[in-house]
Amino acid sequence: MGGPSDPPEGTPEGAPGGGEDEYRSVVFDESFVRAAQLQEFSADERITEHAPAVRRRAPLHRGLSRQALILVVLIALAFGTAIYMGVRHPYQNPAARQSDEPLRMTVVPLAPQGRVPGAADPADLYAHSPAARFRPGAAGVPLPSARSTAHFSDEQVMNALITAKNYVVRSALDPEVLTGGAVRPVRILLDPDQLDQFDESFDRPTADGRHAATGWLVRFDPARTELAADSEVRVRGSLNAVESDATHLEVTADHTFVYPLRPTGDHRADVSLFTVRRELHFRFDRDDLRLHQARLTVSHVQAGPLSCAEDSASALRPLLAGQTAKAGGPAGTDPYAKDSATALCGTLAEGAQPKV
């Protein structure tokens, strides 16, 4: 028997089953009710308070959802990172950095007092010279222990020492640099601010204290001189790193190189020894340390046996076995001209030559 709300014949086939099923698709959950802008008073409220049937509710103030808050934080971090990278970009344009003074260089020829001694075996020359206990090649450029400074770590100090050593080795021991005319192995180690001065020193070398090719590296005239193939270059010296200020490290490289040389193409000629003393001063800022580049600030070179009459700006032209120095020196130096070359020449001590 059907209920009071059911049709006499029961619920028709295909019709919704019961009153609740008819409104099942309409859901009035708690959040929907709270969000309604109109609120209906109860019957008791309308009788006792003479209130209208409905009232308008104050708008519901809700805070940001968690997802929206996270999105706002991420956007703020992105903008902050962009601003920071713009101020402290790790790849700053070298032109924007403060320009330092150009490299100051001095190349001093040392003239022998007599004939240059020679021998068929380079080992005999080394054994009877001050270079007898020098070490061969890059072994003569040892790295000291690295100690942190007030503003630079052990690793940063070691990076400066390694870069300075690489420069010393490539610029004074690489055969392609010494007699092959290569410059790239040295050039790539320099701070970009110095490349114009470096290139000009090789395009138009001159003894003006700024643009001598031999102030940057050791180079022999390949048309006149070659390394003795049966002997190594001997080296002795030191590297020393100090902090000059809160933003710079300085490394001093002081080394003596002794080269066994003979005339180009004459393998039967006696070998002679040629000595180069180089004192190089390097400066590193934090970008240089990161990029393994250096700024060369001072280069002081003494080399002999050389003739003072020879131009040593483009390449060194050593006096070989049996030769003597020519009289005279560089001509045309005006001591009153501001940018004139300064003619310097010394005498090679007899004790610096092999006793053969």
Protein backbone atom coordinates (compact mmCIF):
# COMPACT_ATOMS: atom_id res chain seq x y z
CA MET A 1 0.00 0.00 0.00
CA GLY A 2 1.51 3.31 -1.04
CA GLY A 3 2.41 6.06 1.34
CA PRO A 4 0.55 9.38 1.58
CA SER A 5 2.88 10.97 -0.95
CA ASP A 6 2.83 8.17 -3.42
CA PRO A 7 0.39 8.06 -6.37
CA PRO A 8 -2.39 5.53 -5.97
CA GLU A 9 -0.88 3.32 -8.58
CA GLY A 10 2.63 3.72 -7.11
CA THR A 11 5.58 5.45 -8.68
CA PRO A 12 5.41 5.41 -12.45
CA GLU A 13 8.05 3.38 -14.21
CA GLY A 14 11.02 5.56 -15.25
CA ALA A 15 10.11 8.38 -12.81
CA PRO A 16 12.53 9.41 -10.05
CA GLY A 17 12.23 7.14 -7.07
CA GLY A 18 11.12 9.30 -4.10
CA GLY A 19 11.21 13.04 -3.32
CA GLU A 20 14.86 13.05 -2.33
CA ASP A 21 16.00 11.59 -5.64
CA GLU A 22 14.28 14.40 -7.48
CA TYR A 23 16.62 17.04 -5.93
CA ARG A 24 19.70 14.90 -5.54
CA SER A 25 21.65 16.93 -8.16
CA VAL A 26 21.17 20.14 -6.11
CA VAL A 27 23.63 20.13 -3.19
CA PHE A 28 23.45 22.78 -0.46
CA ASP A 29 26.59 22.06 1.54
CA GLU A 30 27.81 24.11 4.49
CA SER A 31 30.24 26.25 2.46
CA PHE A 32 27.43 27.09 -0.02
CA VAL A 33 25.14 28.24 2.80
CA ARG A 34 27.87 30.35 4.47
CA ALA A 35 28.67 32.03 1.18
CA ALA A 36 25.06 33.15 0.52
CA GLN A 37 24.60 36.94 0.56
CA LEU A 38 20.95 36.76 1.78
CA GLN A 39 19.95 35.13 5.06
CA GLU A 40 16.34 34.26 5.92
CA PHE A 41 15.15 34.94 9.50
CA SER A 42 13.37 32.19 11.35
CA ALA A 43 9.63 32.48 12.17
CA ASP A 44 10.39 33.20 15.83
CA GLU A 45 12.83 36.00 14.86
CA ARG A 46 10.25 37.60 12.56
CA ILE A 47 7.51 37.53 15.33
CA THR A 48 9.58 38.67 18.33
CA GLU A 49 11.87 41.19 16.58
CA HIS A 50 9.46 42.31 13.84
CA ALA A 51 12.30 41.70 11.43
CA PRO A 52 11.88 41.40 7.67
CA ALA A 53 11.87 38.03 6.11
CA VAL A 54 15.53 38.26 4.93
CA ARG A 55 18.63 40.31 5.58
CA ARG A 56 21.78 40.99 3.60
CA ARG A 57 24.89 39.41 5.12
CA ALA A 58 28.24 41.18 5.32
CA PRO A 59 30.63 39.92 2.65
CA LEU A 60 32.78 37.06 3.84
CA HIS A 61 36.45 38.09 4.13
CA ARG A 62 38.63 35.13 3.33
CA GLY A 63 42.40 34.96 3.34
CA LEU A 64 44.54 33.83 0.41
CA SER A 65 44.51 30.16 -0.32
CA ARG A 66 47.70 28.22 0.24
CA GLN A 67 48.29 27.85 -3.51
CA ALA A 68 47.91 31.59 -4.07
CA LEU A 69 50.29 32.37 -1.22
CA ILE A 70 52.94 30.00 -2.62
CA LEU A 71 52.55 31.61 -6.06
CA VAL A 72 53.08 35.09 -4.60
CA VAL A 73 56.23 33.93 -2.76
CA LEU A 74 57.65 32.33 -5.92
CA ILE A 75 57.06 35.48 -7.97
CA ALA A 76 58.77 37.59 -5.28
CA LEU A 77 61.77 35.23 -5.27
CA ALA A 78 62.01 35.35 -9.07
CA PHE A 79 62.05 39.16 -9.10
CA GLY A 80 64.59 39.24 -6.27
CA THR A 81 66.89 36.83 -8.10
CA ALA A 82 66.64 38.83 -11.33
CA ILE A 83 67.55 42.04 -9.53
CA TYR A 84 70.49 40.38 -7.75
CA MET A 85 71.87 38.87 -10.95
CA GLY A 86 71.61 42.20 -12.68
CA VAL A 87 73.65 43.88 -9.97
CA ARG A 88 76.14 41.05 -9.41
CA HIS A 89 76.35 39.23 -12.73
CA PRO A 90 79.20 36.68 -12.77
CA TYR A 91 80.10 37.52 -16.39
CA GLN A 92 80.52 41.24 -16.27
CA ASN A 93 81.68 43.06 -19.33
CA PRO A 94 85.43 43.62 -18.92
CA ALA A 95 85.01 47.12 -20.32
CA ALA A 96 82.77 47.99 -17.38
CA ARG A 97 85.46 47.13 -14.86
CA GLN A 98 87.85 49.75 -13.61
CA SER A 99 90.83 49.99 -15.92
CA ASP A 100 94.24 49.51 -14.34
CA GLU A 101 97.60 50.81 -15.44
CA PRO A 102 99.18 49.07 -18.45
CA LEU A 103 102.03 46.63 -18.06
CA ARG A 104 105.35 48.32 -17.27
CA MET A 105 108.30 46.40 -18.67
CA THR A 106 112.09 46.60 -18.81
CA VAL A 107 114.33 44.43 -20.99
CA VAL A 108 118.02 44.78 -20.14
CA PRO A 109 120.62 43.17 -22.47
CA LEU A 110 123.73 41.83 -20.76
CA ALA A 111 126.85 42.05 -22.95
CA PRO A 112 129.69 39.54 -22.47
CA GLN A 113 133.19 40.78 -21.73
CA GLY A 114 134.82 38.35 -24.17
CA ARG A 115 133.98 35.48 -26.45
CA VAL A 116 130.96 33.38 -25.63
CA PRO A 117 132.06 29.92 -24.43
CA GLY A 118 130.69 26.85 -26.16
CA ALA A 119 130.92 23.05 -26.19
CA ALA A 120 129.68 20.17 -28.26
CA ASP A 121 127.85 18.64 -25.28
CA PRO A 122 125.42 20.93 -23.42
CA ALA A 123 125.86 18.79 -20.30
CA ASP A 124 129.50 19.96 -20.06
CA LEU A 125 128.37 23.59 -20.14
CA TYR A 126 125.74 23.03 -17.46
CA ALA A 127 128.17 21.14 -15.24
CA HIS A 128 130.61 24.08 -15.26
CA SER A 129 128.01 26.84 -14.86
CA PRO A 130 125.86 28.26 -12.04
CA ALA A 131 122.96 26.29 -13.57
CA ALA A 132 124.51 22.94 -12.62
CA ARG A 133 121.89 22.40 -9.89
CA PHE A 134 118.96 23.96 -11.67
CA ARG A 135 116.01 21.70 -12.39
CA PRO A 136 114.85 20.84 -15.93
CA GLY A 137 111.82 22.52 -17.46
CA ALA A 138 108.62 23.10 -15.50
CA ALA A 139 110.07 21.19 -12.53
CA GLY A 140 112.08 24.33 -11.86
CA VAL A 141 108.83 26.29 -11.27
CA PRO A 142 107.49 24.58 -8.13
CA LEU A 143 104.29 25.67 -6.42
CA PRO A 144 104.57 26.82 -2.81
CA SER A 145 101.98 25.90 -0.22
CA ALA A 146 98.87 28.08 -0.37
CA ARG A 147 97.74 29.85 2.78
CA SER A 148 94.53 31.79 3.12
CA THR A 149 94.64 35.55 3.64
CA ALA A 150 92.24 37.92 5.37
CA HIS A 151 89.90 38.05 2.37
CA PHE A 152 90.90 35.07 0.19
CA SER A 153 90.62 31.34 0.83
CA ASP A 154 93.32 28.68 0.40
CA GLU A 155 91.68 27.65 -2.87
CA GLN A 156 91.70 31.18 -4.25
CA VAL A 157 95.37 31.68 -3.34
CA MET A 158 96.24 28.36 -4.98
CA ASN A 159 94.32 29.37 -8.14
CA ALA A 160 96.42 32.53 -8.33
CA LEU A 161 99.67 30.57 -7.92
CA ILE A 162 98.69 27.96 -10.52
CA THR A 163 97.71 30.61 -13.07
CA ALA A 164 100.98 32.49 -12.49
CA LYS A 165 102.95 29.25 -12.90
CA ASN A 166 101.11 28.43 -16.12
CA TYR A 167 102.00 31.86 -17.46
CA VAL A 168 105.67 31.47 -16.52
CA VAL A 169 105.90 28.02 -18.10
CA ARG A 170 104.08 28.88 -21.31
CA SER A 171 105.86 32.19 -21.82
CA ALA A 172 109.39 30.91 -21.16
CA LEU A 173 109.44 27.13 -21.78
CA ASP A 174 106.96 26.32 -24.57
CA PRO A 175 109.09 25.52 -27.69
CA GLU A 176 106.42 26.95 -30.00
CA VAL A 177 106.55 30.24 -28.12
CA LEU A 178 110.35 30.34 -27.85
CA THR A 179 111.20 29.79 -31.51
CA GLY A 180 107.94 29.13 -33.34
CA GLY A 181 106.36 32.54 -33.02
CA ALA A 182 103.23 31.29 -31.21
CA VAL A 183 101.54 33.78 -28.87
CA ARG A 184 98.12 32.25 -28.18
CA PRO A 185 99.28 29.94 -25.35
CA VAL A 186 100.30 33.09 -23.45
CA ARG A 187 97.57 35.42 -24.64
CA ILE A 188 94.68 33.28 -23.36
CA LEU A 189 95.99 33.58 -19.78
CA LEU A 190 95.78 37.37 -19.72
CA ASP A 191 93.03 39.57 -18.35
CA PRO A 192 90.94 40.79 -21.35
CA ASP A 193 91.74 44.42 -20.46
CA GLN A 194 95.38 43.79 -21.43
CA LEU A 195 94.83 42.16 -24.80
CA ASP A 196 95.02 45.42 -26.79
CA GLN A 197 98.41 46.23 -25.27
CA PHE A 198 99.57 42.66 -25.80
CA ASP A 199 98.53 42.62 -29.48
CA GLU A 200 100.12 45.99 -30.16
CA SER A 201 103.39 44.75 -28.65
CA PHE A 202 103.58 42.07 -31.33
CA ASP A 203 102.15 44.08 -34.21
CA ARG A 204 104.43 47.08 -33.59
CA PRO A 205 107.07 46.09 -31.01
CA THR A 206 109.11 48.96 -29.60
CA ALA A 207 111.36 49.51 -26.58
CA ASP A 208 109.16 52.15 -24.95
CA GLY A 209 108.61 50.34 -21.66
CA ARG A 210 105.09 49.34 -22.74
CA HIS A 211 105.19 47.48 -26.06
CA ALA A 212 108.18 45.12 -26.22
CA ALA A 213 107.17 41.60 -27.21
CA THR A 214 110.01 40.28 -25.05
CA GLY A 215 108.43 41.93 -22.03
CA TRP A 216 105.52 39.48 -22.29
CA LEU A 217 107.40 36.31 -23.20
CA VAL A 218 110.80 34.87 -24.12
CA ARG A 219 111.25 34.75 -27.88
CA PHE A 220 114.31 34.07 -30.01
CA ASP A 221 114.79 35.03 -33.63
CA PRO A 222 114.14 31.67 -35.36
CA ALA A 223 116.18 32.70 -38.40
CA ARG A 224 119.31 32.87 -36.26
CA THR A 225 118.81 30.71 -33.17
CA GLU A 226 117.35 27.34 -32.20
CA LEU A 227 117.21 25.24 -29.06
CA ALA A 228 119.68 22.38 -28.81
CA ALA A 229 117.53 19.30 -29.28
CA ASP A 230 119.69 17.12 -27.02
CA SER A 231 119.25 19.19 -23.85
CA GLU A 232 116.54 20.75 -21.70
CA VAL A 233 116.13 24.28 -20.42
CA ARG A 234 117.25 24.60 -16.80
CA VAL A 235 115.21 26.69 -14.35
CA ARG A 236 115.32 27.89 -10.76
CA GLY A 237 113.05 30.37 -8.98
CA SER A 238 110.09 30.99 -6.73
CA LEU A 239 106.47 32.10 -6.57
CA ASN A 240 105.07 34.21 -3.76
CA ALA A 241 101.45 35.29 -3.18
CA VAL A 242 100.25 38.14 -0.96
CA GLU A 243 96.99 40.05 -0.47
CA SER A 244 97.38 43.65 -1.62
CA ASP A 245 93.89 44.71 -0.53
CA ALA A 246 90.45 43.26 0.13
CA THR A 247 89.78 42.71 -3.59
CA HIS A 248 93.19 41.75 -5.03
CA LEU A 249 95.85 39.07 -4.73
CA GLU A 250 99.37 39.68 -6.05
CA VAL A 251 101.85 37.01 -7.11
CA THR A 252 105.54 37.64 -7.72
CA ALA A 253 107.37 35.17 -9.98
CA ASP A 254 111.18 35.40 -9.89
CA HIS A 255 112.96 32.83 -12.08
CA THR A 256 116.22 32.32 -13.92
CA PHE A 257 116.14 30.31 -17.16
CA VAL A 258 119.20 28.90 -18.90
CA TYR A 259 118.75 27.90 -22.55
CA PRO A 260 121.11 25.68 -24.62
CA LEU A 261 121.32 27.34 -28.04
CA ARG A 262 123.02 26.85 -31.39
CA PRO A 263 122.79 28.49 -34.84
CA THR A 264 119.61 27.59 -36.74
CA GLY A 265 120.08 24.53 -38.95
CA ASP A 266 123.70 23.89 -37.90
CA HIS A 267 123.56 20.77 -35.76
CA ARG A 268 127.36 20.42 -35.72
CA ALA A 269 127.96 23.83 -34.21
CA ASP A 270 128.93 24.15 -30.56
CA VAL A 271 126.19 24.87 -28.07
CA SER A 272 126.25 27.95 -25.84
CA LEU A 273 124.18 28.87 -22.81
CA PHE A 274 121.86 31.87 -22.72
CA THR A 275 120.52 33.15 -19.39
CA VAL A 276 117.26 35.04 -18.79
CA ARG A 277 116.30 36.41 -15.39
CA ARG A 278 112.60 37.34 -15.21
CA GLU A 279 110.73 39.02 -12.40
CA LEU A 280 107.01 39.16 -13.12
CA HIS A 281 104.30 40.73 -10.98
CA PHE A 282 100.72 39.50 -11.39
CA ARG A 283 97.49 40.93 -9.99
CA PHE A 284 94.27 38.96 -9.60
CA ASP A 285 90.76 40.12 -8.76
CA ARG A 286 87.97 37.64 -8.06
CA ASP A 287 86.90 37.45 -11.71
CA ASP A 288 90.49 36.65 -12.74
CA LEU A 289 90.66 33.89 -10.14
CA ARG A 290 87.39 32.39 -11.35
CA LEU A 291 88.42 32.53 -15.01
CA HIS A 292 92.05 31.49 -14.39
CA GLN A 293 93.40 34.67 -15.96
CA ALA A 294 95.98 37.16 -14.73
CA ARG A 295 96.88 40.80 -15.10
CA LEU A 296 100.61 41.23 -15.63
CA THR A 297 101.60 44.55 -14.02
CA VAL A 298 105.42 44.53 -14.02
CA SER A 299 107.94 42.64 -16.14
CA HIS A 300 111.65 43.06 -15.52
CA VAL A 301 113.96 41.02 -17.75
CA GLN A 302 117.76 40.69 -17.82
CA ALA A 303 119.16 38.52 -20.61
CA GLY A 304 122.59 37.65 -21.97
CA PRO A 305 124.91 37.24 -23.65
CA LEU A 306 123.44 39.92 -25.92
CA SER A 307 124.86 42.78 -27.85
CA CYS A 308 123.64 46.18 -26.69
CA ALA A 309 123.55 47.26 -30.32
CA GLU A 310 120.81 44.74 -31.11
CA ASP A 311 117.12 45.58 -30.86
CA SER A 312 115.60 43.24 -28.27
CA ALA A 313 112.01 44.53 -28.40
CA SER A 314 110.66 42.08 -30.99
CA ALA A 315 112.91 39.07 -30.26
CA LEU A 316 116.10 38.17 -28.42
CA ARG A 317 119.15 37.64 -30.64
CA PRO A 318 121.69 35.92 -28.42
CA LEU A 319 125.41 35.89 -29.05
CA LEU A 320 126.32 32.27 -29.71
CA ALA A 321 129.47 30.22 -29.11
CA GLY A 322 132.62 32.06 -30.18
CA GLN A 323 130.92 35.43 -30.79
CA THR A 324 131.68 38.73 -29.09
CA ALA A 325 129.54 41.78 -28.42
CA LYS A 326 129.51 44.61 -30.91
CA ALA A 327 130.52 48.04 -29.70
CA GLY A 328 127.92 50.71 -29.14
CA GLY A 329 124.31 50.62 -28.10
CA PRO A 330 120.83 51.61 -29.25
CA ALA A 331 120.82 54.92 -31.06
CA GLY A 332 118.25 57.69 -31.20
CA THR A 333 117.15 57.76 -27.55
CA ASP A 334 115.89 61.19 -26.51
CA PRO A 335 115.92 61.48 -22.69
CA TYR A 336 113.76 64.62 -22.89
CA ALA A 337 110.95 62.95 -24.83
CA LYS A 338 108.12 61.80 -22.59
CA ASP A 339 107.50 58.44 -24.28
CA SER A 340 110.97 57.80 -25.58
CA ALA A 341 112.58 54.42 -25.08
CA THR A 342 115.04 54.11 -22.25
CA ALA A 343 118.26 52.50 -23.45
CA LEU A 344 119.54 50.13 -20.78
CA CYS A 345 122.43 47.73 -21.07
CA GLY A 346 124.54 45.84 -18.58
CA THR A 347 127.66 43.71 -18.52
CA LEU A 348 127.37 39.95 -18.10
CA ALA A 349 129.56 38.91 -15.19
CA GLU A 350 132.29 36.42 -15.98
CA GLY A 351 131.00 34.14 -13.22
CA ALA A 352 127.67 33.80 -15.04
CA GLN A 353 129.37 32.08 -18.00
CA PRO A 354 130.40 28.40 -18.09
CA LYS A 355 134.05 27.72 -17.25
CA VAL A 356 135.21 25.63 -20.21
